[in-house]
């Protein structure tokens, strides 16, 4: 059984990719599987979520946000 066919495993609506090099560095934000833009701060992620009617109460909740390649404090390349 794959993850997508298992009904009890939830996928967060928000996915934040690993940090991309840039000036300043940024992370790609997806909502419901659609790329909606770039975030340079955690505030950008919250504003993007709000624009889609999503209220995030806990940025550390894996059912709310999936952070790839770091967490809410990771905004620079290594």
PDB file of N, CA and C in Angstrom:
ATOM      1  N   UNK A   1       0.844  -1.177   0.000  1.00  0.00           N
ATOM      2  CA  UNK A   1       0.000   0.000   0.000  1.00  0.00           C
ATOM      3  C   UNK A   1       0.885   1.234   0.000  1.00  0.00           C
ATOM      4  N   UNK A   2       0.596   2.154  -0.855  1.00  0.00           N
ATOM      5  CA  UNK A   2       1.406   3.375  -0.936  1.00  0.00           C
ATOM      6  C   UNK A   2       0.835   4.433  -0.013  1.00  0.00           C
ATOM      7  N   UNK A   3       1.641   5.425   0.239  1.00  0.00           N
ATOM      8  CA  UNK A   3       1.227   6.505   1.124  1.00  0.00           C
ATOM      9  C   UNK A   3      -0.014   7.217   0.611  1.00  0.00           C
ATOM     10  N   UNK A   4      -0.096   7.440  -0.692  1.00  0.00           N
ATOM     11  CA  UNK A   4      -1.225   8.180  -1.253  1.00  0.00           C
ATOM     12  C   UNK A   4      -2.522   7.391  -1.208  1.00  0.00           C
ATOM     13  N   UNK A   5      -2.453   6.059  -1.139  1.00  0.00           N
ATOM     14  CA  UNK A   5      -3.670   5.269  -1.107  1.00  0.00           C
ATOM     15  C   UNK A   5      -4.105   4.927   0.310  1.00  0.00           C
ATOM     16  N   UNK A   6      -3.367   5.367   1.286  1.00  0.00           N
ATOM     17  CA  UNK A   6      -3.699   5.096   2.674  1.00  0.00           C
ATOM     18  C   UNK A   6      -4.505   6.272   3.226  1.00  0.00           C
ATOM     19  N   UNK A   7      -5.791   6.073   3.505  1.00  0.00           N
ATOM     20  CA  UNK A   7      -6.646   7.196   3.871  1.00  0.00           C
ATOM     21  C   UNK A   7      -6.340   7.834   5.222  1.00  0.00           C
ATOM     22  N   UNK A   8      -5.655   7.139   6.127  1.00  0.00           N
ATOM     23  CA  UNK A   8      -5.419   7.717   7.448  1.00  0.00           C
ATOM     24  C   UNK A   8      -4.134   8.535   7.540  1.00  0.00           C
ATOM     25  N   UNK A   9      -3.354   8.591   6.491  1.00  0.00           N
ATOM     26  CA  UNK A   9      -2.143   9.413   6.488  1.00  0.00           C
ATOM     27  C   UNK A   9      -2.488  10.754   5.845  1.00  0.00           C
ATOM     28  N   UNK A  10      -2.356  11.809   6.634  1.00  0.00           N
ATOM     29  CA  UNK A  10      -2.692  13.130   6.097  1.00  0.00           C
ATOM     30  C   UNK A  10      -1.474  13.783   5.465  1.00  0.00           C
ATOM     31  N   UNK A  11      -1.718  14.526   4.443  1.00  0.00           N
ATOM     32  CA  UNK A  11      -0.677  15.317   3.795  1.00  0.00           C
ATOM     33  C   UNK A  11      -0.947  16.775   4.154  1.00  0.00           C
ATOM     34  N   UNK A  12       0.063  17.480   4.633  1.00  0.00           N
ATOM     35  CA  UNK A  12      -0.173  18.895   4.942  1.00  0.00           C
ATOM     36  C   UNK A  12      -0.493  19.671   3.672  1.00  0.00           C
ATOM     37  N   UNK A  13      -1.310  20.677   3.805  1.00  0.00           N
ATOM     38  CA  UNK A  13      -1.666  21.506   2.650  1.00  0.00           C
ATOM     39  C   UNK A  13      -0.505  22.382   2.213  1.00  0.00           C
ATOM     40  N   UNK A  14       0.417  22.675   3.132  1.00  0.00           N
ATOM     41  CA  UNK A  14       1.530  23.581   2.854  1.00  0.00           C
ATOM     42  C   UNK A  14       2.831  22.797   2.840  1.00  0.00           C
ATOM     43  N   UNK A  15       3.619  23.015   1.790  1.00  0.00           N
ATOM     44  CA  UNK A  15       4.947  22.398   1.673  1.00  0.00           C
ATOM     45  C   UNK A  15       5.939  23.505   1.366  1.00  0.00           C
ATOM     46  N   UNK A  16       7.018  23.549   2.146  1.00  0.00           N
ATOM     47  CA  UNK A  16       8.058  24.559   1.959  1.00  0.00           C
ATOM     48  C   UNK A  16       9.344  23.827   1.586  1.00  0.00           C
ATOM     49  N   UNK A  17       9.860  24.107   0.386  1.00  0.00           N
ATOM     50  CA  UNK A  17      11.037  23.397  -0.128  1.00  0.00           C
ATOM     51  C   UNK A  17      12.313  23.835   0.574  1.00  0.00           C
ATOM     52  N   UNK A  18      13.391  23.133   0.238  1.00  0.00           N
ATOM     53  CA  UNK A  18      14.699  23.495   0.811  1.00  0.00           C
ATOM     54  C   UNK A  18      15.127  24.867   0.286  1.00  0.00           C
ATOM     55  N   UNK A  19      16.076  25.469   0.955  1.00  0.00           N
ATOM     56  CA  UNK A  19      16.553  26.811   0.608  1.00  0.00           C
ATOM     57  C   UNK A  19      17.229  26.783  -0.760  1.00  0.00           C
ATOM     58  N   UNK A  20      16.858  27.752  -1.588  1.00  0.00           N
ATOM     59  CA  UNK A  20      17.437  27.928  -2.918  1.00  0.00           C
ATOM     60  C   UNK A  20      18.414  29.104  -2.872  1.00  0.00           C
ATOM     61  N   UNK A  21      19.548  28.986  -3.567  1.00  0.00           N
ATOM     62  CA  UNK A  21      20.490  30.102  -3.570  1.00  0.00           C
ATOM     63  C   UNK A  21      19.890  31.309  -4.278  1.00  0.00           C
ATOM     64  N   UNK A  22      20.160  32.450  -3.761  1.00  0.00           N
ATOM     65  CA  UNK A  22      19.683  33.697  -4.341  1.00  0.00           C
ATOM     66  C   UNK A  22      20.150  34.845  -3.477  1.00  0.00           C
ATOM     67  N   UNK A  23      19.776  36.012  -3.850  1.00  0.00           N
ATOM     68  CA  UNK A  23      20.150  37.193  -3.070  1.00  0.00           C
ATOM     69  C   UNK A  23      18.896  38.010  -2.789  1.00  0.00           C
ATOM     70  N   UNK A  24      18.194  37.734  -1.717  1.00  0.00           N
ATOM     71  CA  UNK A  24      18.493  36.777  -0.660  1.00  0.00           C
ATOM     72  C   UNK A  24      18.024  35.364  -1.015  1.00  0.00           C
ATOM     73  N   UNK A  25      18.493  34.357  -0.267  1.00  0.00           N
ATOM     74  CA  UNK A  25      18.032  32.989  -0.493  1.00  0.00           C
ATOM     75  C   UNK A  25      16.520  32.904  -0.273  1.00  0.00           C
ATOM     76  N   UNK A  26      15.895  31.889  -0.854  1.00  0.00           N
ATOM     77  CA  UNK A  26      14.438  31.760  -0.738  1.00  0.00           C
ATOM     78  C   UNK A  26      14.043  30.299  -0.726  1.00  0.00           C
ATOM     79  N   UNK A  27      12.788  30.053  -0.395  1.00  0.00           N
ATOM     80  CA  UNK A  27      12.224  28.713  -0.411  1.00  0.00           C
ATOM     81  C   UNK A  27      10.929  28.762  -1.218  1.00  0.00           C
ATOM     82  N   UNK A  28      10.695  27.725  -2.016  1.00  0.00           N
ATOM     83  CA  UNK A  28       9.473  27.630  -2.811  1.00  0.00           C
ATOM     84  C   UNK A  28       8.354  27.134  -1.896  1.00  0.00           C
ATOM     85  N   UNK A  29       7.191  27.760  -2.007  1.00  0.00           N
ATOM     86  CA  UNK A  29       6.034  27.374  -1.206  1.00  0.00           C
ATOM     87  C   UNK A  29       4.978  26.771  -2.122  1.00  0.00           C
ATOM     88  N   UNK A  30       4.469  25.613  -1.721  1.00  0.00           N
ATOM     89  CA  UNK A  30       3.375  24.958  -2.423  1.00  0.00           C
ATOM     90  C   UNK A  30       2.179  24.875  -1.477  1.00  0.00           C
ATOM     91  N   UNK A  31       1.013  25.088  -2.033  1.00  0.00           N
ATOM     92  CA  UNK A  31      -0.225  24.890  -1.279  1.00  0.00           C
ATOM     93  C   UNK A  31      -1.111  23.986  -2.113  1.00  0.00           C
ATOM     94  N   UNK A  32      -1.580  22.920  -1.480  1.00  0.00           N
ATOM     95  CA  UNK A  32      -2.409  21.918  -2.150  1.00  0.00           C
ATOM     96  C   UNK A  32      -1.748  21.404  -3.425  1.00  0.00           C
ATOM     97  N   UNK A  33      -0.403  21.252  -3.387  1.00  0.00           N
ATOM     98  CA  UNK A  33       0.333  20.707  -4.511  1.00  0.00           C
ATOM     99  C   UNK A  33       0.643  21.685  -5.627  1.00  0.00           C
ATOM    100  N   UNK A  34       0.256  22.932  -5.466  1.00  0.00           N
ATOM    101  CA  UNK A  34       0.494  23.951  -6.491  1.00  0.00           C
ATOM    102  C   UNK A  34       1.534  24.954  -6.001  1.00  0.00           C
ATOM    103  N   UNK A  35       2.543  25.220  -6.823  1.00  0.00           N
ATOM    104  CA  UNK A  35       3.537  26.229  -6.469  1.00  0.00           C
ATOM    105  C   UNK A  35       2.849  27.589  -6.475  1.00  0.00           C
ATOM    106  N   UNK A  36       2.949  28.284  -5.344  1.00  0.00           N
ATOM    107  CA  UNK A  36       2.279  29.591  -5.250  1.00  0.00           C
ATOM    108  C   UNK A  36       3.269  30.743  -5.142  1.00  0.00           C
ATOM    109  N   UNK A  37       4.551  30.439  -4.911  1.00  0.00           N
ATOM    110  CA  UNK A  37       5.519  31.524  -4.865  1.00  0.00           C
ATOM    111  C   UNK A  37       6.740  31.203  -4.034  1.00  0.00           C
ATOM    112  N   UNK A  38       7.486  32.251  -3.745  1.00  0.00           N
ATOM    113  CA  UNK A  38       8.724  32.145  -2.984  1.00  0.00           C
ATOM    114  C   UNK A  38       8.534  32.777  -1.614  1.00  0.00           C
ATOM    115  N   UNK A  39       9.238  32.222  -0.635  1.00  0.00           N
ATOM    116  CA  UNK A  39       9.244  32.794   0.711  1.00  0.00           C
ATOM    117  C   UNK A  39      10.683  33.078   1.097  1.00  0.00           C
ATOM    118  N   UNK A  40      10.894  34.227   1.691  1.00  0.00           N
ATOM    119  CA  UNK A  40      12.223  34.585   2.180  1.00  0.00           C
ATOM    120  C   UNK A  40      12.270  34.606   3.701  1.00  0.00           C
ATOM    121  N   UNK A  41      11.079  34.530   4.316  1.00  0.00           N
ATOM    122  CA  UNK A  41      10.960  34.497   5.772  1.00  0.00           C
ATOM    123  C   UNK A  41       9.760  33.639   6.145  1.00  0.00           C
ATOM    124  N   UNK A  42       9.691  33.274   7.390  1.00  0.00           N
ATOM    125  CA  UNK A  42       8.542  32.501   7.875  1.00  0.00           C
ATOM    126  C   UNK A  42       7.252  33.321   7.755  1.00  0.00           C
ATOM    127  N   UNK A  43       7.372  34.626   7.862  1.00  0.00           N
ATOM    128  CA  UNK A  43       6.202  35.498   7.698  1.00  0.00           C
ATOM    129  C   UNK A  43       5.623  35.361   6.297  1.00  0.00           C
ATOM    130  N   UNK A  44       6.481  35.220   5.289  1.00  0.00           N
ATOM    131  CA  UNK A  44       6.009  35.014   3.913  1.00  0.00           C
ATOM    132  C   UNK A  44       5.172  33.741   3.807  1.00  0.00           C
ATOM    133  N   UNK A  45       5.591  32.693   4.508  1.00  0.00           N
ATOM    134  CA  UNK A  45       4.850  31.434   4.490  1.00  0.00           C
ATOM    135  C   UNK A  45       3.464  31.642   5.114  1.00  0.00           C
ATOM    136  N   UNK A  46       3.419  32.314   6.246  1.00  0.00           N
ATOM    137  CA  UNK A  46       2.145  32.576   6.914  1.00  0.00           C
ATOM    138  C   UNK A  46       1.229  33.454   6.071  1.00  0.00           C
ATOM    139  N   UNK A  47       1.793  34.452   5.402  1.00  0.00           N
ATOM    140  CA  UNK A  47       0.987  35.328   4.541  1.00  0.00           C
ATOM    141  C   UNK A  47       0.442  34.569   3.336  1.00  0.00           C
ATOM    142  N   UNK A  48       1.244  33.675   2.767  1.00  0.00           N
ATOM    143  CA  UNK A  48       0.777  32.854   1.642  1.00  0.00           C
ATOM    144  C   UNK A  48      -0.362  31.945   2.087  1.00  0.00           C
ATOM    145  N   UNK A  49      -0.203  31.337   3.248  1.00  0.00           N
ATOM    146  CA  UNK A  49      -1.253  30.474   3.779  1.00  0.00           C
ATOM    147  C   UNK A  49      -2.543  31.262   3.993  1.00  0.00           C
ATOM    148  N   UNK A  50      -2.422  32.435   4.581  1.00  0.00           N
ATOM    149  CA  UNK A  50      -3.598  33.269   4.832  1.00  0.00           C
ATOM    150  C   UNK A  50      -4.294  33.664   3.536  1.00  0.00           C
ATOM    151  N   UNK A  51      -3.521  33.920   2.488  1.00  0.00           N
ATOM    152  CA  UNK A  51      -4.105  34.287   1.195  1.00  0.00           C
ATOM    153  C   UNK A  51      -4.955  33.156   0.621  1.00  0.00           C
ATOM    154  N   UNK A  52      -4.668  31.917   1.045  1.00  0.00           N
ATOM    155  CA  UNK A  52      -5.432  30.763   0.601  1.00  0.00           C
ATOM    156  C   UNK A  52      -6.448  30.317   1.656  1.00  0.00           C
ATOM    157  N   UNK A  53      -6.652  31.168   2.666  1.00  0.00           N
ATOM    158  CA  UNK A  53      -7.644  30.870   3.692  1.00  0.00           C
ATOM    159  C   UNK A  53      -7.204  29.839   4.711  1.00  0.00           C
ATOM    160  N   UNK A  54      -5.894  29.651   4.839  1.00  0.00           N
ATOM    161  CA  UNK A  54      -5.364  28.664   5.781  1.00  0.00           C
ATOM    162  C   UNK A  54      -4.779  29.398   6.982  1.00  0.00           C
ATOM    163  N   UNK A  55      -5.245  29.041   8.158  1.00  0.00           N
ATOM    164  CA  UNK A  55      -4.678  29.577   9.382  1.00  0.00           C
ATOM    165  C   UNK A  55      -3.752  28.524   9.965  1.00  0.00           C
ATOM    166  N   UNK A  56      -2.509  28.888  10.170  1.00  0.00           N
ATOM    167  CA  UNK A  56      -1.523  27.967  10.737  1.00  0.00           C
ATOM    168  C   UNK A  56      -1.334  28.342  12.198  1.00  0.00           C
ATOM    169  N   UNK A  57      -1.684  27.415  13.085  1.00  0.00           N
ATOM    170  CA  UNK A  57      -1.547  27.663  14.519  1.00  0.00           C
ATOM    171  C   UNK A  57      -0.198  27.209  15.056  1.00  0.00           C
ATOM    172  N   UNK A  58       0.401  26.207  14.388  1.00  0.00           N
ATOM    173  CA  UNK A  58       1.664  25.660  14.868  1.00  0.00           C
ATOM    174  C   UNK A  58       2.539  25.309  13.665  1.00  0.00           C
ATOM    175  N   UNK A  59       3.560  26.089  13.422  1.00  0.00           N
ATOM    176  CA  UNK A  59       4.463  25.852  12.287  1.00  0.00           C
ATOM    177  C   UNK A  59       5.287  24.585  12.449  1.00  0.00           C
ATOM    178  N   UNK A  60       5.327  24.022  13.646  1.00  0.00           N
ATOM    179  CA  UNK A  60       6.065  22.789  13.891  1.00  0.00           C
ATOM    180  C   UNK A  60       5.185  21.548  13.744  1.00  0.00           C
ATOM    181  N   UNK A  61       3.905  21.733  13.475  1.00  0.00           N
ATOM    182  CA  UNK A  61       2.977  20.617  13.322  1.00  0.00           C
ATOM    183  C   UNK A  61       3.133  20.025  11.926  1.00  0.00           C
ATOM    184  N   UNK A  62       3.616  18.778  11.816  1.00  0.00           N
ATOM    185  CA  UNK A  62       3.818  18.182  10.493  1.00  0.00           C
ATOM    186  C   UNK A  62       2.510  17.951   9.733  1.00  0.00           C
ATOM    187  N   UNK A  63       1.379  18.007  10.403  1.00  0.00           N
ATOM    188  CA  UNK A  63       0.092  17.911   9.717  1.00  0.00           C
ATOM    189  C   UNK A  63      -0.322  19.251   9.109  1.00  0.00           C
ATOM    190  N   UNK A  64       0.360  20.326   9.495  1.00  0.00           N
ATOM    191  CA  UNK A  64       0.040  21.662   8.982  1.00  0.00           C
ATOM    192  C   UNK A  64       1.021  22.098   7.893  1.00  0.00           C
ATOM    193  N   UNK A  65       2.323  21.912   8.155  1.00  0.00           N
ATOM    194  CA  UNK A  65       3.359  22.375   7.222  1.00  0.00           C
ATOM    195  C   UNK A  65       4.433  21.302   7.096  1.00  0.00           C
ATOM    196  N   UNK A  66       4.836  21.018   5.875  1.00  0.00           N
ATOM    197  CA  UNK A  66       5.968  20.121   5.653  1.00  0.00           C
ATOM    198  C   UNK A  66       7.159  20.967   5.248  1.00  0.00           C
ATOM    199  N   UNK A  67       8.186  20.961   6.081  1.00  0.00           N
ATOM    200  CA  UNK A  67       9.424  21.692   5.831  1.00  0.00           C
ATOM    201  C   UNK A  67      10.424  20.721   5.230  1.00  0.00           C
ATOM    202  N   UNK A  68      10.937  21.004   4.056  1.00  0.00           N
ATOM    203  CA  UNK A  68      11.889  20.131   3.372  1.00  0.00           C
ATOM    204  C   UNK A  68      13.271  20.779   3.455  1.00  0.00           C
ATOM    205  N   UNK A  69      14.245  20.024   3.934  1.00  0.00           N
ATOM    206  CA  UNK A  69      15.612  20.533   3.979  1.00  0.00           C
ATOM    207  C   UNK A  69      15.857  21.553   5.072  1.00  0.00           C
ATOM    208  N   UNK A  70      15.132  21.447   6.143  1.00  0.00           N
ATOM    209  CA  UNK A  70      15.296  22.369   7.262  1.00  0.00           C
ATOM    210  C   UNK A  70      13.963  22.631   7.922  1.00  0.00           C
ATOM    211  N   UNK A  71      13.960  23.555   8.843  1.00  0.00           N
ATOM    212  CA  UNK A  71      12.730  23.882   9.547  1.00  0.00           C
ATOM    213  C   UNK A  71      12.401  25.362   9.373  1.00  0.00           C
ATOM    214  N   UNK A  72      11.527  25.861  10.203  1.00  0.00           N
ATOM    215  CA  UNK A  72      11.088  27.258  10.073  1.00  0.00           C
ATOM    216  C   UNK A  72      12.221  28.261  10.323  1.00  0.00           C
ATOM    217  N   UNK A  73      13.322  27.798  10.890  1.00  0.00           N
ATOM    218  CA  UNK A  73      14.467  28.684  11.157  1.00  0.00           C
ATOM    219  C   UNK A  73      15.531  28.617  10.056  1.00  0.00           C
ATOM    220  N   UNK A  74      15.350  27.771   9.064  1.00  0.00           N
ATOM    221  CA  UNK A  74      16.349  27.555   8.017  1.00  0.00           C
ATOM    222  C   UNK A  74      16.049  28.437   6.818  1.00  0.00           C
ATOM    223  N   UNK A  75      16.817  29.506   6.647  1.00  0.00           N
ATOM    224  CA  UNK A  75      16.583  30.450   5.552  1.00  0.00           C
ATOM    225  C   UNK A  75      17.854  30.816   4.797  1.00  0.00           C
ATOM    226  N   UNK A  76      18.944  30.102   5.067  1.00  0.00           N
ATOM    227  CA  UNK A  76      20.183  30.330   4.335  1.00  0.00           C
ATOM    228  C   UNK A  76      20.724  28.991   3.852  1.00  0.00           C
ATOM    229  N   UNK A  77      21.499  29.027   2.768  1.00  0.00           N
ATOM    230  CA  UNK A  77      22.149  27.808   2.298  1.00  0.00           C
ATOM    231  C   UNK A  77      23.331  27.514   3.203  1.00  0.00           C
ATOM    232  N   UNK A  78      23.717  26.284   3.267  1.00  0.00           N
ATOM    233  CA  UNK A  78      24.815  25.907   4.173  1.00  0.00           C
ATOM    234  C   UNK A  78      26.154  26.082   3.565  1.00  0.00           C
TER     235      UNK A  78
END
